[in-house]
N, C-alpha and C. Protein backbone atom coordinates (compact mmCIF):
# COMPACT_ATOMS: atom_id res chain seq x y z
N UNK A 1 -8.82 -4.61 -19.79
CA UNK A 1 -8.58 -5.12 -18.35
C UNK A 1 -10.04 -4.65 -17.62
N UNK A 2 -10.55 -5.43 -16.66
CA UNK A 2 -11.42 -5.42 -15.97
C UNK A 2 -11.33 -5.44 -14.62
N UNK A 3 -11.96 -4.60 -13.80
CA UNK A 3 -12.25 -3.92 -12.58
C UNK A 3 -13.07 -4.76 -11.61
N UNK A 4 -12.68 -5.36 -10.96
CA UNK A 4 -13.70 -5.81 -9.98
C UNK A 4 -13.51 -5.47 -8.54
N UNK A 5 -14.88 -5.04 -7.56
CA UNK A 5 -14.41 -4.58 -6.56
C UNK A 5 -15.17 -5.56 -5.22
N UNK A 6 -14.57 -5.89 -4.88
CA UNK A 6 -14.26 -6.54 -3.49
C UNK A 6 -14.36 -6.66 -2.02
N UNK A 7 -16.15 -6.17 -1.83
CA UNK A 7 -15.65 -5.65 -0.34
C UNK A 7 -15.87 -6.67 0.36
N UNK A 8 -14.69 -6.62 1.47
CA UNK A 8 -14.19 -7.51 2.63
C UNK A 8 -14.34 -6.98 3.90
N UNK A 9 -15.49 -7.56 4.37
CA UNK A 9 -15.81 -6.84 5.63
C UNK A 9 -15.27 -7.62 7.19
N UNK A 10 -14.94 -8.81 7.14
CA UNK A 10 -14.48 -9.70 8.01
C UNK A 10 -13.72 -11.09 7.58
N UNK A 11 -12.63 -10.91 8.98
CA UNK A 11 -11.40 -11.38 8.46
C UNK A 11 -11.91 -12.88 7.63
N UNK A 12 -12.56 -13.43 7.63
CA UNK A 12 -12.84 -14.89 7.33
C UNK A 12 -13.16 -14.92 5.89
N UNK A 13 -13.06 -13.20 5.58
CA UNK A 13 -13.78 -12.93 3.75
C UNK A 13 -12.21 -13.21 3.05
N UNK A 14 -11.27 -12.83 3.80
CA UNK A 14 -9.90 -12.26 2.76
C UNK A 14 -9.20 -12.82 2.17
N UNK A 15 -9.09 -14.27 2.92
CA UNK A 15 -8.80 -15.53 1.82
C UNK A 15 -9.92 -16.08 0.71
N UNK A 16 -10.95 -15.86 1.19
CA UNK A 16 -12.07 -16.54 0.14
C UNK A 16 -11.67 -15.28 -1.51
N UNK A 17 -11.90 -14.12 -0.62
CA UNK A 17 -11.82 -13.21 -1.76
C UNK A 17 -10.45 -13.35 -2.80
N UNK A 18 -9.27 -13.82 -2.08
CA UNK A 18 -8.21 -13.88 -2.90
C UNK A 18 -7.56 -14.90 -3.53
N UNK A 19 -8.31 -15.94 -3.02
CA UNK A 19 -8.68 -17.43 -4.00
C UNK A 19 -9.42 -16.48 -5.09
N UNK A 20 -10.67 -16.26 -4.82
CA UNK A 20 -11.54 -16.08 -6.42
C UNK A 20 -10.50 -15.46 -7.61
N UNK A 21 -9.92 -14.12 -7.00
CA UNK A 21 -8.98 -13.69 -7.38
C UNK A 21 -8.25 -13.78 -8.41
N UNK A 22 -7.49 -14.84 -7.47
CA UNK A 22 -6.08 -15.32 -8.30
C UNK A 22 -6.53 -16.63 -9.21
N UNK A 23 -7.85 -16.73 -9.25
CA UNK A 23 -8.55 -18.22 -10.04
C UNK A 23 -8.51 -17.50 -11.60
N UNK A 24 -8.57 -16.62 -11.20
CA UNK A 24 -8.68 -15.60 -13.01
C UNK A 24 -7.23 -15.45 -13.36
N UNK A 25 -7.48 -15.11 -14.67
CA UNK A 25 -6.12 -14.78 -15.21
C UNK A 25 -5.43 -13.87 -15.55
N UNK A 26 -4.58 -13.61 -15.45
CA UNK A 26 -3.49 -12.51 -15.67
C UNK A 26 -4.22 -11.11 -14.28
N UNK A 27 -4.49 -11.76 -13.03
CA UNK A 27 -5.42 -11.21 -12.18
C UNK A 27 -4.50 -10.72 -11.24
N UNK A 28 -4.52 -9.36 -10.74
CA UNK A 28 -4.16 -8.61 -9.76
C UNK A 28 -4.77 -7.93 -8.43
N UNK A 29 -4.44 -7.76 -7.33
CA UNK A 29 -4.82 -6.98 -6.67
C UNK A 29 -4.47 -5.81 -5.97
N UNK A 30 -5.25 -4.54 -6.12
CA UNK A 30 -5.05 -3.02 -5.19
C UNK A 30 -6.09 -3.51 -3.75
N UNK A 31 -4.59 -3.39 -2.87
CA UNK A 31 -5.34 -3.28 -1.47
C UNK A 31 -5.62 -1.79 -0.98
N UNK A 32 -6.47 -1.24 -0.92
CA UNK A 32 -6.66 0.06 -0.44
C UNK A 32 -6.92 0.30 1.02
N UNK A 33 -6.58 1.67 0.77
CA UNK A 33 -5.96 2.21 2.47
C UNK A 33 -7.09 2.40 3.24
N UNK A 34 -7.44 1.41 4.69
CA UNK A 34 -8.67 1.76 5.20
C UNK A 34 -8.41 1.32 6.41
N UNK A 35 -9.05 1.25 7.38
CA UNK A 35 -8.82 0.93 8.81
C UNK A 35 -8.70 -0.66 8.75
N UNK A 36 -9.76 -1.08 8.45
CA UNK A 36 -10.14 -2.63 8.24
C UNK A 36 -8.65 -3.52 7.32
N UNK A 37 -7.78 -2.79 6.46
CA UNK A 37 -6.69 -3.36 5.91
C UNK A 37 -5.87 -3.34 6.49
N UNK A 38 -5.94 -2.14 6.83
CA UNK A 38 -4.45 -1.80 7.97
C UNK A 38 -4.93 -3.17 9.43
N UNK A 39 -5.37 -2.91 9.95
CA UNK A 39 -5.80 -4.03 11.09
C UNK A 39 -5.24 -5.54 10.50
N UNK A 40 -5.94 -5.76 9.39
CA UNK A 40 -5.53 -7.60 8.89
C UNK A 40 -4.17 -7.34 7.67
N UNK A 41 -3.17 -6.27 7.80
CA UNK A 41 -2.31 -6.89 6.88
C UNK A 41 -1.97 -8.15 6.86
N UNK A 42 -1.25 -7.92 7.81
CA UNK A 42 -0.49 -9.50 7.79
C UNK A 42 -1.57 -10.90 6.92
N UNK A 43 -2.42 -10.59 7.65
CA UNK A 43 -3.48 -12.10 6.69
C UNK A 43 -3.54 -11.59 5.78
N UNK A 44 -3.73 -10.30 4.98
CA UNK A 44 -3.92 -10.43 3.43
C UNK A 44 -2.71 -10.38 2.95
N UNK A 45 -1.99 -10.36 3.85
CA UNK A 45 -0.29 -10.49 2.66
C UNK A 45 0.01 -11.87 3.03
N UNK A 46 -0.25 -12.29 3.37
CA UNK A 46 -0.04 -14.01 3.82
C UNK A 46 -0.73 -14.56 3.22
N UNK A 47 -1.91 -14.27 2.55
CA UNK A 47 -3.50 -14.83 1.63
C UNK A 47 -2.47 -14.41 0.30
N UNK A 48 -2.54 -13.35 0.04
CA UNK A 48 -1.59 -13.18 -1.22
C UNK A 48 -0.56 -14.21 -1.83
N UNK A 49 0.40 -14.08 -0.72
CA UNK A 49 1.55 -15.11 -1.06
C UNK A 49 1.23 -16.20 -0.98
N UNK A 50 0.39 -16.58 -0.74
CA UNK A 50 -0.03 -18.33 -0.49
C UNK A 50 -0.82 -18.33 -2.29
N UNK A 51 -1.55 -17.51 -2.71
CA UNK A 51 -2.22 -17.38 -3.77
C UNK A 51 -1.44 -17.41 -5.21
N UNK A 52 -0.35 -16.60 -4.68
CA UNK A 52 0.75 -16.17 -5.87
C UNK A 52 0.12 -15.02 -6.52
N UNK A 53 -0.69 -14.18 -5.92
CA UNK A 53 -1.31 -13.09 -6.44
C UNK A 53 -0.88 -11.95 -6.36
N UNK A 54 -0.61 -11.42 -7.78
CA UNK A 54 0.40 -10.07 -7.50
C UNK A 54 -0.65 -9.16 -6.94
N UNK A 55 0.29 -7.84 -6.40
CA UNK A 55 -0.59 -6.97 -5.61
C UNK A 55 0.12 -5.38 -5.44
N UNK A 56 -0.49 -5.04 -5.49
CA UNK A 56 0.08 -3.36 -4.62
C UNK A 56 -0.99 -2.77 -3.56
N UNK A 57 0.05 -2.53 -2.47
CA UNK A 57 -0.03 -1.60 -1.28
C UNK A 57 -0.33 -0.36 -1.24
N UNK A 58 -0.83 0.11 -0.14
CA UNK A 58 -0.77 1.56 0.03
C UNK A 58 0.17 2.13 0.14
N UNK A 59 1.09 1.31 1.37
CA UNK A 59 2.02 1.89 1.87
C UNK A 59 3.33 1.16 1.97
N UNK A 60 4.23 2.03 1.76
CA UNK A 60 5.76 1.69 2.32
C UNK A 60 5.66 0.57 3.15
N UNK A 61 5.72 0.79 4.37
CA UNK A 61 5.68 -0.05 5.26
C UNK A 61 4.62 -1.68 5.11
N UNK A 62 4.00 -1.61 4.14
CA UNK A 62 3.40 -3.04 3.64
C UNK A 62 4.43 -3.67 3.19
N UNK A 63 5.50 -3.29 2.22
CA UNK A 63 5.84 -3.10 1.35
C UNK A 63 7.26 -3.68 1.93
N UNK A 64 7.91 -2.98 3.10
CA UNK A 64 9.03 -3.73 3.65
C UNK A 64 8.68 -4.98 4.95
N UNK A 65 7.19 -5.27 4.78
CA UNK A 65 7.30 -5.80 5.31
C UNK A 65 6.53 -7.37 4.43
N UNK A 66 6.70 -7.57 3.75
CA UNK A 66 6.23 -8.83 2.31
C UNK A 66 5.59 -8.54 1.01
N UNK A 67 5.03 -7.22 1.18
CA UNK A 67 4.38 -6.64 -0.10
C UNK A 67 4.93 -6.17 -0.85
N UNK A 68 4.49 -6.35 -2.54
CA UNK A 68 4.82 -6.59 -3.35
C UNK A 68 5.37 -5.10 -4.03
N UNK A 69 4.65 -4.29 -3.79
CA UNK A 69 4.46 -2.88 -4.26
C UNK A 69 3.64 -1.88 -3.66
N UNK A 70 4.54 -0.70 -3.75
CA UNK A 70 3.28 0.19 -3.01
C UNK A 70 3.64 1.71 -3.75
N UNK A 71 2.35 2.57 -3.90
CA UNK A 71 2.87 3.65 -4.57
C UNK A 71 1.21 4.67 -3.50
N UNK A 72 2.07 5.61 -2.90
CA UNK A 72 1.24 6.25 -2.32
C UNK A 72 1.97 7.28 -1.23
N UNK A 73 1.16 8.37 -0.17
CA UNK A 73 2.01 9.00 0.03
C UNK A 73 2.79 8.67 1.28
N UNK A 74 4.05 9.42 1.15
CA UNK A 74 4.94 9.23 2.38
C UNK A 74 4.12 9.18 3.67
N UNK A 75 4.40 8.44 4.41
CA UNK A 75 3.69 8.33 5.87
C UNK A 75 4.71 9.45 6.62
N UNK A 76 5.73 9.28 6.24
CA UNK A 76 7.10 10.04 7.00
C UNK A 76 6.94 11.45 6.72
N UNK A 77 6.90 11.90 5.63
CA UNK A 77 6.26 13.37 5.56
C UNK A 77 5.02 14.08 6.17
N UNK A 78 4.04 12.93 5.47
CA UNK A 78 2.66 13.47 6.35
C UNK A 78 3.18 13.49 8.03
N UNK A 79 3.64 12.92 8.75
CA UNK A 79 4.09 12.84 10.25
C UNK A 79 4.74 14.16 10.42
N UNK A 80 5.86 14.22 9.15
CA UNK A 80 6.66 15.71 9.24
C UNK A 80 5.87 16.61 9.52
N UNK A 81 5.12 16.80 8.76
CA UNK A 81 3.89 17.95 8.43
C UNK A 81 2.92 18.30 9.87
N UNK A 82 3.29 17.30 10.06
CA UNK A 82 1.94 16.99 11.50
C UNK A 82 2.59 17.53 12.25
N UNK A 83 3.58 17.66 12.66
CA UNK A 83 4.60 18.24 13.79
C UNK A 83 4.71 19.98 13.43
N UNK A 84 4.49 20.38 12.42
CA UNK A 84 4.10 21.70 11.64
C UNK A 84 3.11 21.90 12.31
N UNK A 85 2.01 21.39 12.23
CA UNK A 85 0.51 22.19 12.68
C UNK A 85 0.98 22.14 13.91
N UNK A 86 1.23 21.33 15.03
CA UNK A 86 1.44 21.31 16.44
C UNK A 86 2.09 22.27 16.53
N UNK A 87 3.01 22.61 15.92
CA UNK A 87 3.80 23.70 16.58
C UNK A 87 3.23 25.04 16.56
N UNK A 88 2.36 25.25 15.21
CA UNK A 88 1.67 26.37 15.13
C UNK A 88 0.96 26.41 15.97
N UNK A 89 -0.27 25.40 16.40
CA UNK A 89 -1.22 25.13 17.65
C UNK A 89 -0.53 25.93 18.44
N UNK A 90 0.68 25.48 19.60
CA UNK A 90 1.83 25.53 20.34
C UNK A 90 1.74 27.16 20.44
N UNK A 91 2.08 27.55 19.40
CA UNK A 91 2.60 28.92 19.56
C UNK A 91 1.18 29.91 19.52
N UNK A 92 0.04 29.37 19.62
CA UNK A 92 -1.03 30.29 18.95
C UNK A 92 -2.10 30.80 18.41
N UNK A 93 -1.82 29.50 17.45
CA UNK A 93 -2.93 29.29 15.77
C UNK A 93 -4.06 28.33 16.42
N UNK A 94 -5.08 28.95 16.00
CA UNK A 94 -6.51 28.36 15.74
C UNK A 94 -6.85 27.31 15.01
N UNK A 95 -6.55 26.02 15.36
CA UNK A 95 -6.77 24.96 14.58
C UNK A 95 -7.88 24.70 13.32
N UNK A 96 -8.77 25.44 13.94
CA UNK A 96 -9.65 25.83 12.72
C UNK A 96 -10.05 26.39 11.44
N UNK A 97 -8.42 27.48 11.62
CA UNK A 97 -8.08 28.69 10.86
C UNK A 97 -6.81 28.08 10.11
N UNK A 98 -6.26 26.66 10.39
CA UNK A 98 -5.16 26.18 9.78
C UNK A 98 -5.64 25.55 8.49
N UNK A 99 -4.92 26.05 7.17
CA UNK A 99 -5.61 24.94 6.30
C UNK A 99 -5.71 23.41 6.03
N UNK A 100 -6.79 22.95 5.40
CA UNK A 100 -6.36 21.33 4.97
C UNK A 100 -5.34 21.09 4.15
N UNK A 101 -4.51 20.19 4.22
CA UNK A 101 -3.29 19.83 3.63
C UNK A 101 -3.33 17.94 2.61
N UNK A 102 -3.23 18.35 1.22
CA UNK A 102 -3.37 16.99 0.95
C UNK A 102 -1.95 16.69 1.10
N UNK A 103 -1.42 15.42 0.82
CA UNK A 103 0.22 14.95 0.97
C UNK A 103 0.59 15.41 -0.40
N UNK A 104 1.86 15.82 -0.35
CA UNK A 104 2.98 16.30 -2.08
C UNK A 104 4.04 15.67 -2.03
N UNK A 105 3.91 14.61 -0.96
CA UNK A 105 5.08 14.09 -1.73
C UNK A 105 4.72 12.20 -1.42
N UNK A 106 5.06 11.58 -2.45
CA UNK A 106 4.53 10.03 -3.32
C UNK A 106 5.48 9.28 -2.96
N UNK A 107 5.63 8.31 -2.75
CA UNK A 107 6.71 7.06 -2.90
C UNK A 107 6.50 5.89 -3.78
N UNK A 108 7.10 5.35 -4.74
CA UNK A 108 6.71 4.35 -5.37
C UNK A 108 8.13 3.17 -4.64
N UNK A 109 7.92 2.44 -3.45
CA UNK A 109 8.46 1.42 -3.35
C UNK A 109 8.39 -0.18 -3.78
N UNK A 110 9.48 -1.18 -4.27
CA UNK A 110 9.43 -2.31 -4.86
C UNK A 110 9.82 -2.99 -3.93
N UNK A 111 9.37 -4.32 -3.65
CA UNK A 111 9.90 -5.60 -3.33
C UNK A 111 10.27 -6.62 -3.96
N UNK A 112 11.55 -6.37 -4.48
CA UNK A 112 12.17 -7.64 -5.88
C UNK A 112 12.11 -8.69 -5.21
N UNK A 113 11.95 -9.21 -3.87
CA UNK A 113 12.13 -10.67 -3.51
C UNK A 113 10.66 -10.79 -3.54
N UNK A 114 9.66 -10.39 -3.15
CA UNK A 114 8.72 -10.78 -3.58
C UNK A 114 8.18 -10.87 -5.16
N UNK A 115 8.48 -10.00 -5.95
CA UNK A 115 8.47 -9.78 -7.23
C UNK A 115 8.93 -11.63 -7.90
N UNK A 116 10.04 -11.30 -7.09
CA UNK A 116 10.76 -12.72 -7.66
C UNK A 116 10.08 -13.86 -7.55
N UNK A 117 9.43 -14.06 -6.21
CA UNK A 117 9.09 -14.80 -5.78
C UNK A 117 7.29 -15.31 -6.50
N UNK A 118 6.70 -14.27 -7.24
CA UNK A 118 5.89 -14.63 -8.03
C UNK A 118 5.99 -14.68 -9.79
N UNK A 119 7.24 -15.04 -9.46
CA UNK A 119 7.44 -15.16 -10.97
C UNK A 119 7.53 -13.92 -11.82
N UNK A 120 7.31 -12.82 -11.36
CA UNK A 120 7.83 -11.62 -12.15
C UNK A 120 8.80 -10.43 -12.48
N UNK A 121 9.28 -10.31 -13.12
CA UNK A 121 9.96 -9.25 -13.55
C UNK A 121 9.70 -8.14 -13.89
N UNK A 122 10.29 -7.10 -13.35
CA UNK A 122 10.16 -5.53 -13.18
C UNK A 122 11.00 -5.37 -14.34
N UNK A 123 9.67 -4.58 -15.05
CA UNK A 123 10.78 -3.60 -15.74
C UNK A 123 11.94 -2.56 -15.66
N UNK A 124 12.76 -2.47 -16.04
CA UNK A 124 13.47 -0.87 -16.09
C UNK A 124 13.28 0.12 -15.74
N UNK A 125 12.36 0.42 -16.57
CA UNK A 125 11.88 1.58 -17.08
C UNK A 125 10.59 2.03 -15.41
N UNK A 126 10.52 0.59 -14.91
CA UNK A 126 9.58 1.24 -13.51
C UNK A 126 10.50 0.93 -12.53
N UNK A 127 12.02 -0.01 -12.52
CA UNK A 127 12.80 0.14 -11.16
C UNK A 127 13.59 1.52 -11.72
N UNK A 128 13.63 2.34 -12.82
CA UNK A 128 14.00 3.63 -12.78
C UNK A 128 13.27 4.85 -11.92
N UNK A 129 11.96 4.37 -12.21
CA UNK A 129 10.96 5.52 -11.39
C UNK A 129 11.21 5.25 -10.08
N UNK A 130 11.12 3.92 -9.88
CA UNK A 130 11.43 3.65 -7.97
C UNK A 130 11.55 4.05 -6.94
N UNK A 131 11.23 5.24 -5.52
CA UNK A 131 12.33 5.40 -4.91
C UNK A 131 13.02 4.67 -4.03
N UNK A 132 12.28 2.91 -4.01
CA UNK A 132 13.31 2.53 -3.49
C UNK A 132 13.29 0.87 -3.39
N UNK A 133 13.83 0.06 -3.79
CA UNK A 133 13.94 -1.16 -3.94
C UNK A 133 14.05 -1.67 -2.85
N UNK A 134 13.36 -3.08 -2.57
CA UNK A 134 13.75 -3.64 -1.51
C UNK A 134 14.11 -5.40 -2.08
N UNK A 135 15.87 -5.63 -1.59
CA UNK A 135 16.05 -6.99 -2.19
C UNK A 135 15.71 -7.99 -1.12
């Protein structure tokens, strides 16, 4: 396996980068979680779809909107835990004294419609591990 880093800084580079990666044999893409990718999620997804490039995206929400697969922290769990912090602050806790917390719940979500459109078969073992299968 060869890892290629592709730093995309402007929207016009999205399709160029995806097309270049898709031209390689047995290629795939991991979309990282950052502000640029979140803002341009739809453009990235459309390019991945157009070039038939298998991909993993950072959040469940990307998969529900057509992404192939995600494995990452549960945003619902993060937001729920954030509410507990707000509650503690409102009850008098000093924010700087509250411990930093890492995500504790991770989700594997697979979009079967997208994998089928890409001509891929999801192994039974992977489906058994999935928290959610979108059909």
